[in-house]
Amino acid sequence: MKDAFLTLGRGVGQVMFQNNALSGLLMLAGILLNSWQMALLAIAGNVVSTLTACLSGYSREDIRNGLYGFNGTLVGIAIGVFMPVSVASFSLLVAGACLSAWIARLFSLQRRVPGFTAPFILSVWILLAACRGMMPSLLLPSGNAVTAQSLSFLQAFCLNIGQVMFQGNTVLAGVLFLLGIMVNSRINGFYAALGAGLSIPFALLLGVDDAVLNAGLMGYNGVLCAIALGDKTWKGGAWATVAVLLSVLLQIGGMKWGITTLTAPFVVAVWIVAGCRAGWKNRNRN
């Protein structure tokens, strides 16, 4: 029972690269502060994807480390964001969480690009496409409209962190997420704050509305980019900064094209920057 609890916690914490059950518990508490339903859906997605990995015979160590749970966690929360809770939507949650585990396994079989949250993105895109084509009534109305408001840096900063897991209604979720990161790694906490903070002035320079910034929609990908690439060296900080800025550009482009971006700007930005970094290292060796 203890091992199962720890695996669940790590599966939440790994959304932000934290292989720590306490980190996951703090993040789950942040979700609970915003919505008890989303917290339950996060747990359900985590459990389903983890069980799928167990039944599929995947690496026990990877399962214990939450590597098959975090994408399912995000799938579960996404169901609550895009659909009303019902038997039909819960069935889709189970299907999407299972699919995320299988896609994660496919990524683990190659070493060219890390999967990150791509299994979650692909699973939710498939679910949304299926719903739009066959069950459009199952989807909630789009909530893209925002009212004019003045920029609140603190709100934008906290929600940039909270929106990594769709938590855009309370700044406390972002605070608990950041605390969850810092109890495991202060350097990761620093980079999470860097990603959340740097995206705000950059998006302002690009003419993004204050209301969009206040909603945390411009920085959550940057938070993940900074944690993924940042380290204790100045080069790591430089590459992380480039990825953060690129993720903002990709998010703006995706929103203008009407794409449900999820965390795709983070994944694509890190893939591009990691590829450039590898090319730079090879060039210097030669």
C-alpha atoms as a PDB file:
ATOM      1  CA  MET A   1       0.000   0.000   0.000  1.00  0.00           C
ATOM      2  CA  LYS A   2       2.843   2.346   0.872  1.00  0.00           C
ATOM      3  CA  ASP A   3       4.576   1.630  -2.446  1.00  0.00           C
ATOM      4  CA  ALA A   4       1.345   2.324  -4.332  1.00  0.00           C
ATOM      5  CA  PHE A   5       0.935   5.648  -2.522  1.00  0.00           C
ATOM      6  CA  LEU A   6       4.520   6.646  -3.277  1.00  0.00           C
ATOM      7  CA  THR A   7       4.108   5.680  -6.935  1.00  0.00           C
ATOM      8  CA  LEU A   8       0.962   7.795  -7.135  1.00  0.00           C
ATOM      9  CA  GLY A   9       2.756  10.781  -5.607  1.00  0.00           C
ATOM     10  CA  ARG A  10       5.712  10.468  -7.936  1.00  0.00           C
ATOM     11  CA  GLY A  11       3.323  10.179 -10.881  1.00  0.00           C
ATOM     12  CA  VAL A  12       1.962  13.627 -10.044  1.00  0.00           C
ATOM     13  CA  GLY A  13       5.361  15.108  -9.223  1.00  0.00           C
ATOM     14  CA  GLN A  14       6.853  13.914 -12.513  1.00  0.00           C
ATOM     15  CA  VAL A  15       4.564  16.318 -14.385  1.00  0.00           C
ATOM     16  CA  MET A  16       7.192  18.866 -13.319  1.00  0.00           C
ATOM     17  CA  PHE A  17      10.131  16.420 -13.395  1.00  0.00           C
ATOM     18  CA  GLN A  18      10.074  15.811  -9.634  1.00  0.00           C
ATOM     19  CA  ASN A  19      10.650  12.174  -8.706  1.00  0.00           C
ATOM     20  CA  ASN A  20       9.384  12.823  -5.212  1.00  0.00           C
ATOM     21  CA  ALA A  21       6.104  11.687  -3.651  1.00  0.00           C
ATOM     22  CA  LEU A  22       5.941  14.715  -1.315  1.00  0.00           C
ATOM     23  CA  SER A  23       6.298  17.000  -4.327  1.00  0.00           C
ATOM     24  CA  GLY A  24       3.381  15.219  -5.958  1.00  0.00           C
ATOM     25  CA  LEU A  25       1.289  15.439  -2.802  1.00  0.00           C
ATOM     26  CA  LEU A  26       1.807  19.207  -2.596  1.00  0.00           C
ATOM     27  CA  MET A  27       0.870  19.570  -6.267  1.00  0.00           C
ATOM     28  CA  LEU A  28      -2.215  17.425  -5.751  1.00  0.00           C
ATOM     29  CA  ALA A  29      -3.152  19.680  -2.831  1.00  0.00           C
ATOM     30  CA  GLY A  30      -2.844  22.661  -5.180  1.00  0.00           C
ATOM     31  CA  ILE A  31      -5.262  21.016  -7.612  1.00  0.00           C
ATOM     32  CA  LEU A  32      -7.637  20.192  -4.744  1.00  0.00           C
ATOM     33  CA  LEU A  33      -7.710  23.845  -3.671  1.00  0.00           C
ATOM     34  CA  ASN A  34      -8.999  24.728  -7.117  1.00  0.00           C
ATOM     35  CA  SER A  35     -11.332  21.787  -7.741  1.00  0.00           C
ATOM     36  CA  TRP A  36     -11.941  18.539  -5.854  1.00  0.00           C
ATOM     37  CA  GLN A  37     -13.307  17.034  -9.062  1.00  0.00           C
ATOM     38  CA  MET A  38     -10.083  17.776 -10.944  1.00  0.00           C
ATOM     39  CA  ALA A  39      -8.074  16.288  -8.082  1.00  0.00           C
ATOM     40  CA  LEU A  40     -10.077  13.056  -8.306  1.00  0.00           C
ATOM     41  CA  LEU A  41      -9.737  12.994 -12.096  1.00  0.00           C
ATOM     42  CA  ALA A  42      -5.969  13.526 -11.765  1.00  0.00           C
ATOM     43  CA  ILE A  43      -5.764  10.552  -9.392  1.00  0.00           C
ATOM     44  CA  ALA A  44      -7.966   8.442 -11.672  1.00  0.00           C
ATOM     45  CA  GLY A  45      -5.821   9.183 -14.725  1.00  0.00           C
ATOM     46  CA  ASN A  46      -2.663   8.455 -12.751  1.00  0.00           C
ATOM     47  CA  VAL A  47      -3.980   5.136 -11.450  1.00  0.00           C
ATOM     48  CA  VAL A  48      -5.280   3.992 -14.845  1.00  0.00           C
ATOM     49  CA  SER A  49      -2.071   4.779 -16.735  1.00  0.00           C
ATOM     50  CA  THR A  50       0.073   3.219 -13.999  1.00  0.00           C
ATOM     51  CA  LEU A  51      -2.040   0.053 -13.934  1.00  0.00           C
ATOM     52  CA  THR A  52      -1.875  -0.093 -17.729  1.00  0.00           C
ATOM     53  CA  ALA A  53       1.920  -0.040 -17.541  1.00  0.00           C
ATOM     54  CA  CYS A  54       1.879  -2.760 -14.853  1.00  0.00           C
ATOM     55  CA  LEU A  55      -0.443  -5.013 -16.835  1.00  0.00           C
ATOM     56  CA  SER A  56       1.610  -4.405 -19.990  1.00  0.00           C
ATOM     57  CA  GLY A  57       4.755  -5.637 -18.257  1.00  0.00           C
ATOM     58  CA  TYR A  58       6.718  -2.391 -18.480  1.00  0.00           C
ATOM     59  CA  SER A  59       9.771  -1.588 -16.351  1.00  0.00           C
ATOM     60  CA  ARG A  60       8.897  -1.795 -12.652  1.00  0.00           C
ATOM     61  CA  GLU A  61      11.488   0.850 -11.834  1.00  0.00           C
ATOM     62  CA  ASP A  62      10.014   3.275 -14.351  1.00  0.00           C
ATOM     63  CA  ILE A  63       6.538   2.576 -12.977  1.00  0.00           C
ATOM     64  CA  ARG A  64       7.669   3.171  -9.370  1.00  0.00           C
ATOM     65  CA  ASN A  65       9.317   6.427 -10.458  1.00  0.00           C
ATOM     66  CA  GLY A  66       6.003   7.699 -11.830  1.00  0.00           C
ATOM     67  CA  LEU A  67       7.135   7.750 -15.438  1.00  0.00           C
ATOM     68  CA  TYR A  68       3.917   6.093 -16.600  1.00  0.00           C
ATOM     69  CA  GLY A  69       1.703   8.060 -14.235  1.00  0.00           C
ATOM     70  CA  PHE A  70       2.304  11.706 -15.034  1.00  0.00           C
ATOM     71  CA  ASN A  71       0.867  11.709 -18.555  1.00  0.00           C
ATOM     72  CA  GLY A  72      -2.211   9.908 -17.249  1.00  0.00           C
ATOM     73  CA  THR A  73      -2.497  12.525 -14.510  1.00  0.00           C
ATOM     74  CA  LEU A  74      -2.650  15.265 -17.136  1.00  0.00           C
ATOM     75  CA  VAL A  75      -5.123  13.304 -19.256  1.00  0.00           C
ATOM     76  CA  GLY A  76      -7.410  12.982 -16.239  1.00  0.00           C
ATOM     77  CA  ILE A  77      -7.344  16.709 -15.505  1.00  0.00           C
ATOM     78  CA  ALA A  78      -7.861  17.542 -19.188  1.00  0.00           C
ATOM     79  CA  ILE A  79     -11.072  15.511 -19.203  1.00  0.00           C
ATOM     80  CA  GLY A  80     -12.413  17.814 -16.489  1.00  0.00           C
ATOM     81  CA  VAL A  81     -11.361  20.872 -18.473  1.00  0.00           C
ATOM     82  CA  PHE A  82     -12.881  19.926 -21.818  1.00  0.00           C
ATOM     83  CA  MET A  83     -15.861  17.769 -20.798  1.00  0.00           C
ATOM     84  CA  PRO A  84     -18.495  17.597 -18.062  1.00  0.00           C
ATOM     85  CA  VAL A  85     -17.953  14.710 -15.673  1.00  0.00           C
ATOM     86  CA  SER A  86     -20.139  11.812 -16.805  1.00  0.00           C
ATOM     87  CA  VAL A  87     -19.961   8.103 -17.515  1.00  0.00           C
ATOM     88  CA  ALA A  88     -19.042   8.859 -21.133  1.00  0.00           C
ATOM     89  CA  SER A  89     -16.257  11.298 -20.270  1.00  0.00           C
ATOM     90  CA  PHE A  90     -14.885   8.942 -17.603  1.00  0.00           C
ATOM     91  CA  SER A  91     -14.782   6.177 -20.200  1.00  0.00           C
ATOM     92  CA  LEU A  92     -12.745   8.490 -22.412  1.00  0.00           C
ATOM     93  CA  LEU A  93     -10.464   9.244 -19.453  1.00  0.00           C
ATOM     94  CA  VAL A  94      -9.747   5.528 -19.092  1.00  0.00           C
ATOM     95  CA  ALA A  95      -9.104   5.189 -22.833  1.00  0.00           C
ATOM     96  CA  GLY A  96      -6.873   8.268 -22.937  1.00  0.00           C
ATOM     97  CA  ALA A  97      -4.876   7.299 -19.843  1.00  0.00           C
ATOM     98  CA  CYS A  98      -4.270   3.815 -21.249  1.00  0.00           C
ATOM     99  CA  LEU A  99      -3.239   5.303 -24.574  1.00  0.00           C
ATOM    100  CA  SER A 100      -0.819   7.703 -22.871  1.00  0.00           C
ATOM    101  CA  ALA A 101       0.967   4.777 -21.199  1.00  0.00           C
ATOM    102  CA  TRP A 102       1.324   2.926 -24.499  1.00  0.00           C
ATOM    103  CA  ILE A 103       2.617   6.028 -26.300  1.00  0.00           C
ATOM    104  CA  ALA A 104       5.047   6.688 -23.445  1.00  0.00           C
ATOM    105  CA  ARG A 105       6.368   3.159 -23.924  1.00  0.00           C
ATOM    106  CA  LEU A 106       6.923   3.806 -27.630  1.00  0.00           C
ATOM    107  CA  PHE A 107       8.966   6.906 -26.799  1.00  0.00           C
ATOM    108  CA  SER A 108      11.031   4.896 -24.296  1.00  0.00           C
ATOM    109  CA  LEU A 109      12.039   2.466 -27.044  1.00  0.00           C
ATOM    110  CA  GLN A 110      14.052   5.136 -28.853  1.00  0.00           C
ATOM    111  CA  ARG A 111      16.709   7.588 -27.699  1.00  0.00           C
ATOM    112  CA  ARG A 112      16.512  10.330 -30.307  1.00  0.00           C
ATOM    113  CA  VAL A 113      13.890  12.489 -28.599  1.00  0.00           C
ATOM    114  CA  PRO A 114      12.500  12.324 -25.051  1.00  0.00           C
ATOM    115  CA  GLY A 115       8.738  11.910 -24.773  1.00  0.00           C
ATOM    116  CA  PHE A 116       8.116  14.457 -22.003  1.00  0.00           C
ATOM    117  CA  THR A 117       4.366  15.209 -22.104  1.00  0.00           C
ATOM    118  CA  ALA A 118       3.934  14.205 -25.763  1.00  0.00           C
ATOM    119  CA  PRO A 119       1.936  11.064 -24.793  1.00  0.00           C
ATOM    120  CA  PHE A 120      -0.544  13.274 -22.936  1.00  0.00           C
ATOM    121  CA  ILE A 121      -0.754  15.745 -25.823  1.00  0.00           C
ATOM    122  CA  LEU A 122      -1.310  13.080 -28.464  1.00  0.00           C
ATOM    123  CA  SER A 123      -3.856  11.207 -26.328  1.00  0.00           C
ATOM    124  CA  VAL A 124      -5.935  14.314 -25.622  1.00  0.00           C
ATOM    125  CA  TRP A 125      -5.750  15.490 -29.243  1.00  0.00           C
ATOM    126  CA  ILE A 126      -7.059  12.086 -30.339  1.00  0.00           C
ATOM    127  CA  LEU A 127      -9.872  12.200 -27.763  1.00  0.00           C
ATOM    128  CA  LEU A 128     -10.876  15.748 -28.728  1.00  0.00           C
ATOM    129  CA  ALA A 129     -10.821  14.916 -32.450  1.00  0.00           C
ATOM    130  CA  ALA A 130     -12.991  11.854 -31.842  1.00  0.00           C
ATOM    131  CA  CYS A 131     -15.462  13.875 -29.781  1.00  0.00           C
ATOM    132  CA  ARG A 132     -15.672  16.678 -32.333  1.00  0.00           C
ATOM    133  CA  GLY A 133     -16.296  14.164 -35.086  1.00  0.00           C
ATOM    134  CA  MET A 134     -18.700  11.794 -33.340  1.00  0.00           C
ATOM    135  CA  MET A 135     -19.864  13.283 -30.014  1.00  0.00           C
ATOM    136  CA  PRO A 136     -19.609  17.090 -30.158  1.00  0.00           C
ATOM    137  CA  SER A 137     -22.269  17.472 -27.475  1.00  0.00           C
ATOM    138  CA  LEU A 138     -19.873  15.866 -24.999  1.00  0.00           C
ATOM    139  CA  LEU A 139     -17.507  18.844 -25.165  1.00  0.00           C
ATOM    140  CA  LEU A 140     -17.919  21.901 -22.980  1.00  0.00           C
ATOM    141  CA  PRO A 141     -18.268  25.295 -24.731  1.00  0.00           C
ATOM    142  CA  SER A 142     -14.975  26.982 -25.518  1.00  0.00           C
ATOM    143  CA  GLY A 143     -13.845  29.371 -22.809  1.00  0.00           C
ATOM    144  CA  ASN A 144     -11.394  31.425 -24.850  1.00  0.00           C
ATOM    145  CA  ALA A 145     -13.089  34.786 -24.298  1.00  0.00           C
ATOM    146  CA  VAL A 146     -11.274  37.048 -21.833  1.00  0.00           C
ATOM    147  CA  THR A 147     -12.323  40.413 -20.431  1.00  0.00           C
ATOM    148  CA  ALA A 148     -10.091  43.462 -20.472  1.00  0.00           C
ATOM    149  CA  GLN A 149      -8.028  43.880 -17.308  1.00  0.00           C
ATOM    150  CA  SER A 150      -4.767  45.334 -16.075  1.00  0.00           C
ATOM    151  CA  LEU A 151      -1.685  43.184 -15.698  1.00  0.00           C
ATOM    152  CA  SER A 152      -1.091  41.651 -12.278  1.00  0.00           C
ATOM    153  CA  PHE A 153       2.460  40.314 -12.281  1.00  0.00           C
ATOM    154  CA  LEU A 154       1.930  38.197  -9.159  1.00  0.00           C
ATOM    155  CA  GLN A 155      -1.222  36.604 -10.542  1.00  0.00           C
ATOM    156  CA  ALA A 156       0.380  35.985 -13.939  1.00  0.00           C
ATOM    157  CA  PHE A 157       3.480  34.517 -12.288  1.00  0.00           C
ATOM    158  CA  CYS A 158       1.552  32.118 -10.047  1.00  0.00           C
ATOM    159  CA  LEU A 159      -0.888  31.045 -12.741  1.00  0.00           C
ATOM    160  CA  ASN A 160       1.978  30.461 -15.173  1.00  0.00           C
ATOM    161  CA  ILE A 161       3.018  27.701 -12.775  1.00  0.00           C
ATOM    162  CA  GLY A 162      -0.504  26.535 -11.955  1.00  0.00           C
ATOM    163  CA  GLN A 163      -1.541  26.239 -15.599  1.00  0.00           C
ATOM    164  CA  VAL A 164       1.011  23.464 -16.115  1.00  0.00           C
ATOM    165  CA  MET A 165      -1.805  21.333 -14.687  1.00  0.00           C
ATOM    166  CA  PHE A 166      -4.718  23.491 -15.898  1.00  0.00           C
ATOM    167  CA  GLN A 167      -5.064  25.309 -12.568  1.00  0.00           C
ATOM    168  CA  GLY A 168      -5.948  28.852 -13.581  1.00  0.00           C
ATOM    169  CA  ASN A 169      -8.476  29.841 -10.922  1.00  0.00           C
ATOM    170  CA  THR A 170      -6.336  30.286  -7.829  1.00  0.00           C
ATOM    171  CA  VAL A 171      -2.824  31.625  -7.276  1.00  0.00           C
ATOM    172  CA  LEU A 172      -2.428  29.252  -4.334  1.00  0.00           C
ATOM    173  CA  ALA A 173      -2.222  26.290  -6.711  1.00  0.00           C
ATOM    174  CA  GLY A 174       0.833  27.820  -8.347  1.00  0.00           C
ATOM    175  CA  VAL A 175       2.371  28.548  -4.948  1.00  0.00           C
ATOM    176  CA  LEU A 176       1.921  24.930  -3.860  1.00  0.00           C
ATOM    177  CA  PHE A 177       3.281  23.676  -7.181  1.00  0.00           C
ATOM    178  CA  LEU A 178       6.402  25.799  -6.722  1.00  0.00           C
ATOM    179  CA  LEU A 179       6.751  24.603  -3.140  1.00  0.00           C
ATOM    180  CA  GLY A 180       6.404  21.021  -4.359  1.00  0.00           C
ATOM    181  CA  ILE A 181       9.264  21.581  -6.775  1.00  0.00           C
ATOM    182  CA  MET A 182      11.495  23.257  -4.196  1.00  0.00           C
ATOM    183  CA  VAL A 183      11.168  20.526  -1.551  1.00  0.00           C
ATOM    184  CA  ASN A 184      12.819  18.211  -4.076  1.00  0.00           C
ATOM    185  CA  SER A 185      15.198  20.572  -5.906  1.00  0.00           C
ATOM    186  CA  ARG A 186      16.034  24.200  -5.247  1.00  0.00           C
ATOM    187  CA  ILE A 187      17.670  24.527  -8.657  1.00  0.00           C
ATOM    188  CA  ASN A 188      14.485  23.261 -10.300  1.00  0.00           C
ATOM    189  CA  GLY A 189      12.531  25.730  -8.181  1.00  0.00           C
ATOM    190  CA  PHE A 190      14.766  28.542  -9.401  1.00  0.00           C
ATOM    191  CA  TYR A 191      14.235  27.581 -13.023  1.00  0.00           C
ATOM    192  CA  ALA A 192      10.487  27.186 -12.548  1.00  0.00           C
ATOM    193  CA  ALA A 193      10.403  30.755 -11.242  1.00  0.00           C
ATOM    194  CA  LEU A 194      12.622  31.893 -14.119  1.00  0.00           C
ATOM    195  CA  GLY A 195      10.317  30.340 -16.700  1.00  0.00           C
ATOM    196  CA  ALA A 196       7.224  31.802 -15.047  1.00  0.00           C
ATOM    197  CA  GLY A 197       8.731  35.272 -14.695  1.00  0.00           C
ATOM    198  CA  LEU A 198      10.638  35.637 -17.960  1.00  0.00           C
ATOM    199  CA  SER A 199       7.665  34.827 -20.145  1.00  0.00           C
ATOM    200  CA  ILE A 200       5.661  37.812 -18.857  1.00  0.00           C
ATOM    201  CA  PRO A 201       7.808  40.743 -20.124  1.00  0.00           C
ATOM    202  CA  PHE A 202       8.594  38.873 -23.340  1.00  0.00           C
ATOM    203  CA  ALA A 203       4.908  38.299 -24.066  1.00  0.00           C
ATOM    204  CA  LEU A 204       4.209  41.944 -23.241  1.00  0.00           C
ATOM    205  CA  LEU A 205       6.814  43.017 -25.799  1.00  0.00           C
ATOM    206  CA  LEU A 206       5.009  40.859 -28.359  1.00  0.00           C
ATOM    207  CA  GLY A 207       1.722  42.619 -27.659  1.00  0.00           C
ATOM    208  CA  VAL A 208      -0.101  39.879 -25.758  1.00  0.00           C
ATOM    209  CA  ASP A 209      -3.175  41.117 -23.887  1.00  0.00           C
ATOM    210  CA  ASP A 210      -2.902  41.604 -20.129  1.00  0.00           C
ATOM    211  CA  ALA A 211      -5.926  39.337 -19.588  1.00  0.00           C
ATOM    212  CA  VAL A 212      -4.193  36.451 -21.362  1.00  0.00           C
ATOM    213  CA  LEU A 213      -1.080  37.001 -19.272  1.00  0.00           C
ATOM    214  CA  ASN A 214      -3.118  37.147 -16.054  1.00  0.00           C
ATOM    215  CA  ALA A 215      -4.675  33.792 -16.967  1.00  0.00           C
ATOM    216  CA  GLY A 216      -1.225  32.160 -17.022  1.00  0.00           C
ATOM    217  CA  LEU A 217      -1.553  31.103 -20.650  1.00  0.00           C
ATOM    218  CA  MET A 218       1.811  32.470 -21.791  1.00  0.00           C
ATOM    219  CA  GLY A 219       4.166  31.027 -19.211  1.00  0.00           C
ATOM    220  CA  TYR A 220       3.276  27.474 -18.248  1.00  0.00           C
ATOM    221  CA  ASN A 221       5.212  26.015 -21.177  1.00  0.00           C
ATOM    222  CA  GLY A 222       8.174  28.172 -20.222  1.00  0.00           C
ATOM    223  CA  VAL A 223       8.099  26.773 -16.688  1.00  0.00           C
ATOM    224  CA  LEU A 224       8.530  23.256 -18.050  1.00  0.00           C
ATOM    225  CA  CYS A 225      11.161  24.346 -20.574  1.00  0.00           C
ATOM    226  CA  ALA A 226      13.285  25.989 -17.898  1.00  0.00           C
ATOM    227  CA  ILE A 227      13.146  22.983 -15.560  1.00  0.00           C
ATOM    228  CA  ALA A 228      13.880  20.556 -18.397  1.00  0.00           C
ATOM    229  CA  LEU A 229      17.002  22.334 -19.650  1.00  0.00           C
ATOM    230  CA  GLY A 230      18.295  24.387 -16.740  1.00  0.00           C
ATOM    231  CA  ASP A 231      21.233  23.299 -14.620  1.00  0.00           C
ATOM    232  CA  LYS A 232      23.920  24.889 -12.435  1.00  0.00           C
ATOM    233  CA  THR A 233      25.983  26.131 -15.394  1.00  0.00           C
ATOM    234  CA  TRP A 234      25.559  29.399 -17.243  1.00  0.00           C
ATOM    235  CA  LYS A 235      25.242  27.460 -20.497  1.00  0.00           C
ATOM    236  CA  GLY A 236      22.324  25.497 -19.073  1.00  0.00           C
ATOM    237  CA  GLY A 237      20.705  28.763 -18.023  1.00  0.00           C
ATOM    238  CA  ALA A 238      21.226  30.234 -21.479  1.00  0.00           C
ATOM    239  CA  TRP A 239      19.680  27.242 -23.257  1.00  0.00           C
ATOM    240  CA  ALA A 240      16.774  27.242 -20.814  1.00  0.00           C
ATOM    241  CA  THR A 241      16.178  30.938 -21.504  1.00  0.00           C
ATOM    242  CA  VAL A 242      16.128  30.352 -25.264  1.00  0.00           C
ATOM    243  CA  ALA A 243      13.613  27.534 -24.837  1.00  0.00           C
ATOM    244  CA  VAL A 244      11.362  29.685 -22.627  1.00  0.00           C
ATOM    245  CA  LEU A 245      11.270  32.476 -25.213  1.00  0.00           C
ATOM    246  CA  LEU A 246      10.676  30.014 -28.057  1.00  0.00           C
ATOM    247  CA  SER A 247       7.803  28.395 -26.157  1.00  0.00           C
ATOM    248  CA  VAL A 248       6.098  31.788 -25.835  1.00  0.00           C
ATOM    249  CA  LEU A 249       6.370  32.322 -29.587  1.00  0.00           C
ATOM    250  CA  LEU A 250       4.966  28.847 -30.265  1.00  0.00           C
ATOM    251  CA  GLN A 251       2.115  29.394 -27.807  1.00  0.00           C
ATOM    252  CA  ILE A 252       1.158  32.692 -29.439  1.00  0.00           C
ATOM    253  CA  GLY A 253       1.246  31.070 -32.873  1.00  0.00           C
ATOM    254  CA  GLY A 254      -0.789  28.093 -31.724  1.00  0.00           C
ATOM    255  CA  MET A 255      -3.457  30.267 -30.130  1.00  0.00           C
ATOM    256  CA  LYS A 256      -3.722  32.442 -33.226  1.00  0.00           C
ATOM    257  CA  TRP A 257      -4.224  29.320 -35.338  1.00  0.00           C
ATOM    258  CA  GLY A 258      -6.911  28.054 -32.966  1.00  0.00           C
ATOM    259  CA  ILE A 259      -4.888  25.030 -31.867  1.00  0.00           C
ATOM    260  CA  THR A 260      -5.510  23.407 -28.504  1.00  0.00           C
ATOM    261  CA  THR A 261      -1.837  23.715 -27.658  1.00  0.00           C
ATOM    262  CA  LEU A 262      -1.758  21.972 -24.271  1.00  0.00           C
ATOM    263  CA  THR A 263       1.987  21.589 -23.513  1.00  0.00           C
ATOM    264  CA  ALA A 264       3.034  21.140 -27.153  1.00  0.00           C
ATOM    265  CA  PRO A 265       4.986  24.447 -27.219  1.00  0.00           C
ATOM    266  CA  PHE A 266       7.110  23.133 -24.343  1.00  0.00           C
ATOM    267  CA  VAL A 267       7.814  19.800 -26.022  1.00  0.00           C
ATOM    268  CA  VAL A 268       8.609  21.312 -29.426  1.00  0.00           C
ATOM    269  CA  ALA A 269      10.720  24.115 -27.942  1.00  0.00           C
ATOM    270  CA  VAL A 270      12.842  21.702 -25.900  1.00  0.00           C
ATOM    271  CA  TRP A 271      13.242  19.324 -28.826  1.00  0.00           C
ATOM    272  CA  ILE A 272      14.474  22.195 -31.007  1.00  0.00           C
ATOM    273  CA  VAL A 273      16.799  23.682 -28.382  1.00  0.00           C
ATOM    274  CA  ALA A 274      18.155  20.282 -27.327  1.00  0.00           C
ATOM    275  CA  GLY A 275      18.878  19.519 -30.975  1.00  0.00           C
ATOM    276  CA  CYS A 276      20.686  22.840 -31.386  1.00  0.00           C
ATOM    277  CA  ARG A 277      22.655  22.224 -28.188  1.00  0.00           C
ATOM    278  CA  ALA A 278      23.742  18.776 -29.390  1.00  0.00           C
ATOM    279  CA  GLY A 279      24.767  20.242 -32.743  1.00  0.00           C
ATOM    280  CA  TRP A 280      26.738  22.986 -30.973  1.00  0.00           C
ATOM    281  CA  LYS A 281      28.605  20.436 -28.848  1.00  0.00           C
ATOM    282  CA  ASN A 282      29.475  18.306 -31.892  1.00  0.00           C
ATOM    283  CA  ARG A 283      30.689  21.365 -33.756  1.00  0.00           C
ATOM    284  CA  ASN A 284      32.962  22.376 -30.857  1.00  0.00           C
ATOM    285  CA  ARG A 285      34.385  18.848 -30.649  1.00  0.00           C
ATOM    286  CA  ASN A 286      35.366  19.021 -34.290  1.00  0.00           C
END
